[in-house]
């Protein structure tokens, strides 16, 4: 996806109560079970032949190539513990909120006479549940990386830069040139 979308996925994975299966065989068994026993569906999902899936299930193949191992683990991670993931998201969207830690360049549009030069900042800020809900809804609807950035920028603008409406009322913030983003809920 993108840096913010991947960070949302990582934050969800941090709430898992059990680790994902480690071996390729166990991961393949999990995916086949998720697809109701269809090795053909798993093969299409992973972009390999049905016979390759069957070989991993039997243990004939054990060490996948790096790119295939990453795809396999990614698909397992997407489907791992959906109820735990949904419960954590629901709690963040209703009561807990989301914590965003980022090092990025923030550009500004403000009143005349002020600077609009972007500055690299390190920010760790808790955003209210409304912004967490908007991020989750946008991600579920298939939003682009830019749309997710806009939501995060709006949250940081209101909470961090404008201090919930107590200062810099005309300030508009852009979230650009992201070095890293980590989310937690």
Protein backbone atom coordinates (compact mmCIF):
# COMPACT_ATOMS: atom_id res chain seq x y z
CA UNK A 1 0.00 0.00 0.00
CA UNK A 2 1.96 2.99 1.28
CA UNK A 3 3.82 4.12 4.36
CA UNK A 4 0.71 5.17 6.29
CA UNK A 5 -1.35 2.16 5.20
CA UNK A 6 1.47 -0.20 6.15
CA UNK A 7 1.76 1.54 9.51
CA UNK A 8 -1.97 1.00 10.13
CA UNK A 9 -1.50 -2.70 9.34
CA UNK A 10 1.50 -2.92 11.67
CA UNK A 11 -0.47 -1.27 14.46
CA UNK A 12 -3.22 -3.84 14.00
CA UNK A 13 -0.67 -6.66 14.09
CA UNK A 14 0.67 -5.36 17.40
CA UNK A 15 -2.67 -6.33 18.99
CA UNK A 16 -2.47 -10.01 18.03
CA UNK A 17 -2.71 -12.39 20.96
CA UNK A 18 -0.84 -15.21 19.20
CA UNK A 19 2.07 -15.05 16.74
CA UNK A 20 1.41 -15.86 13.10
CA UNK A 21 2.60 -19.29 11.89
CA UNK A 22 6.33 -19.26 11.15
CA UNK A 23 6.93 -22.14 8.73
CA UNK A 24 5.83 -21.97 5.12
CA UNK A 25 3.87 -25.20 5.57
CA UNK A 26 1.92 -23.85 8.56
CA UNK A 27 1.24 -20.58 6.73
CA UNK A 28 0.00 -22.47 3.68
CA UNK A 29 -2.23 -24.68 5.84
CA UNK A 30 -3.73 -21.57 7.42
CA UNK A 31 -4.47 -19.98 4.04
CA UNK A 32 -6.04 -23.16 2.68
CA UNK A 33 -8.22 -23.38 5.78
CA UNK A 34 -9.24 -19.74 5.32
CA UNK A 35 -10.19 -20.47 1.70
CA UNK A 36 -12.34 -23.42 2.84
CA UNK A 37 -9.93 -26.08 1.57
CA UNK A 38 -9.45 -24.67 -1.91
CA UNK A 39 -5.83 -24.99 -2.96
CA UNK A 40 -6.74 -23.41 -6.31
CA UNK A 41 -7.98 -20.23 -4.59
CA UNK A 42 -4.77 -20.01 -2.55
CA UNK A 43 -2.68 -20.57 -5.68
CA UNK A 44 -4.48 -17.70 -7.45
CA UNK A 45 -4.12 -15.51 -4.37
CA UNK A 46 -0.36 -16.08 -4.22
CA UNK A 47 0.27 -16.20 -7.96
CA UNK A 48 1.67 -19.73 -8.02
CA UNK A 49 0.47 -23.08 -9.35
CA UNK A 50 -1.93 -25.30 -7.46
CA UNK A 51 0.74 -28.00 -7.41
CA UNK A 52 3.15 -25.63 -5.62
CA UNK A 53 0.55 -25.04 -2.91
CA UNK A 54 0.06 -28.80 -2.55
CA UNK A 55 3.82 -29.35 -2.25
CA UNK A 56 4.05 -26.82 0.58
CA UNK A 57 1.11 -28.50 2.32
CA UNK A 58 2.80 -31.90 2.14
CA UNK A 59 6.13 -30.48 3.32
CA UNK A 60 7.93 -31.30 0.06
CA UNK A 61 8.85 -27.61 -0.31
CA UNK A 62 10.07 -25.90 2.83
CA UNK A 63 12.07 -22.77 2.00
CA UNK A 64 10.29 -20.32 -0.28
CA UNK A 65 12.13 -17.63 -2.24
CA UNK A 66 12.27 -14.26 -0.47
CA UNK A 67 9.64 -12.59 -2.63
CA UNK A 68 7.25 -15.53 -2.31
CA UNK A 69 7.88 -15.80 1.44
CA UNK A 70 7.00 -12.11 1.82
CA UNK A 71 3.76 -12.54 -0.19
CA UNK A 72 2.83 -15.63 1.80
CA UNK A 73 3.47 -13.98 5.18
CA UNK A 74 1.64 -10.84 4.04
CA UNK A 75 -1.48 -12.77 3.06
CA UNK A 76 -1.43 -14.68 6.36
CA UNK A 77 -0.97 -11.43 8.31
CA UNK A 78 -3.98 -9.87 6.51
CA UNK A 79 -6.21 -12.74 7.62
CA UNK A 80 -4.75 -13.50 11.05
CA UNK A 81 -7.06 -13.01 14.07
CA UNK A 82 -9.73 -10.84 12.44
CA UNK A 83 -11.86 -10.58 15.60
CA UNK A 84 -8.90 -9.40 17.69
CA UNK A 85 -8.04 -6.85 15.01
CA UNK A 86 -11.65 -5.63 14.77
CA UNK A 87 -11.97 -5.33 18.55
CA UNK A 88 -8.80 -3.23 18.80
CA UNK A 89 -9.95 -0.99 15.94
CA UNK A 90 -13.38 -0.56 17.49
CA UNK A 91 -11.86 0.43 20.82
CA UNK A 92 -9.51 2.92 19.15
CA UNK A 93 -12.35 4.38 17.07
CA UNK A 94 -14.72 4.80 20.02
CA UNK A 95 -12.71 5.46 23.17
CA UNK A 96 -8.95 5.07 22.90
CA UNK A 97 -7.88 7.06 19.88
CA UNK A 98 -4.65 6.56 18.01
CA UNK A 99 -1.07 7.66 18.69
CA UNK A 100 0.94 8.84 15.71
CA UNK A 101 4.71 9.17 15.84
CA UNK A 102 6.31 10.63 12.77
CA UNK A 103 9.32 12.41 11.43
CA UNK A 104 8.21 14.34 8.38
CA UNK A 105 8.28 17.67 6.66
CA UNK A 106 5.24 19.79 7.36
CA UNK A 107 4.36 22.57 4.94
CA UNK A 108 2.11 25.40 6.02
CA UNK A 109 -0.36 27.80 4.51
CA UNK A 110 -1.03 30.57 7.00
CA UNK A 111 -1.70 34.27 7.34
CA UNK A 112 0.32 36.69 5.15
CA UNK A 113 3.71 37.54 6.55
CA UNK A 114 4.35 34.11 8.03
CA UNK A 115 6.70 31.51 6.62
CA UNK A 116 5.46 28.61 4.54
CA UNK A 117 8.80 26.79 4.42
CA UNK A 118 8.37 23.16 5.34
CA UNK A 119 10.33 22.06 8.40
CA UNK A 120 11.33 18.57 9.40
CA UNK A 121 9.71 17.75 12.73
CA UNK A 122 9.57 14.79 15.06
CA UNK A 123 6.06 14.59 16.46
CA UNK A 124 4.42 12.09 18.79
CA UNK A 125 0.77 13.00 19.24
CA UNK A 126 -2.35 11.25 20.44
CA UNK A 127 -5.28 11.80 18.10
CA UNK A 128 -8.90 11.53 19.28
CA UNK A 129 -11.08 8.52 18.37
CA UNK A 130 -12.83 10.44 15.57
CA UNK A 131 -9.59 10.58 13.54
CA UNK A 132 -8.88 6.91 14.24
CA UNK A 133 -12.35 6.03 12.97
CA UNK A 134 -11.83 8.12 9.83
CA UNK A 135 -8.48 6.45 9.14
CA UNK A 136 -9.93 2.95 9.59
CA UNK A 137 -12.99 3.72 7.46
CA UNK A 138 -10.86 5.22 4.70
CA UNK A 139 -8.48 2.25 4.72
CA UNK A 140 -11.40 -0.21 4.59
CA UNK A 141 -12.90 1.73 1.67
CA UNK A 142 -9.63 1.42 -0.26
CA UNK A 143 -8.42 5.00 0.13
CA UNK A 144 -5.21 6.06 -1.51
CA UNK A 145 -2.07 6.83 0.46
CA UNK A 146 -2.64 10.56 -0.15
CA UNK A 147 -6.15 10.39 1.31
CA UNK A 148 -4.80 8.67 4.44
CA UNK A 149 -2.09 11.35 4.69
CA UNK A 150 -4.72 14.08 4.41
CA UNK A 151 -6.70 12.62 7.31
CA UNK A 152 -3.57 12.29 9.46
CA UNK A 153 -2.50 15.84 8.52
CA UNK A 154 -5.90 17.20 9.46
CA UNK A 155 -5.71 15.45 12.83
CA UNK A 156 -2.22 16.77 13.54
CA UNK A 157 -3.27 20.21 12.34
CA UNK A 158 -6.19 20.39 14.76
CA UNK A 159 -4.60 18.73 17.78
CA UNK A 160 -0.89 19.57 17.57
CA UNK A 161 -0.56 22.75 15.54
CA UNK A 162 -3.85 24.52 16.35
CA UNK A 163 -4.08 23.12 19.89
CA UNK A 164 -7.77 22.26 19.43
CA UNK A 165 -8.63 25.72 18.10
CA UNK A 166 -6.75 27.79 20.70
CA UNK A 167 -4.14 29.20 18.29
CA UNK A 168 -3.24 29.60 14.61
CA UNK A 169 -6.83 29.50 13.42
CA UNK A 170 -6.07 30.05 9.70
CA UNK A 171 -3.23 27.52 9.57
CA UNK A 172 -3.42 24.74 6.95
CA UNK A 173 -0.89 21.91 7.31
CA UNK A 174 0.47 19.56 4.63
CA UNK A 175 1.99 16.22 5.59
CA UNK A 176 4.84 15.69 3.08
CA UNK A 177 8.26 14.09 2.77
CA UNK A 178 7.64 11.43 5.40
CA UNK A 179 10.77 9.86 6.89
CA UNK A 180 8.79 7.38 8.99
CA UNK A 181 5.36 6.97 10.59
CA UNK A 182 4.40 4.62 13.39
CA UNK A 183 0.86 4.26 14.67
CA UNK A 184 -0.35 2.64 17.84
CA UNK A 185 -3.78 2.06 19.33
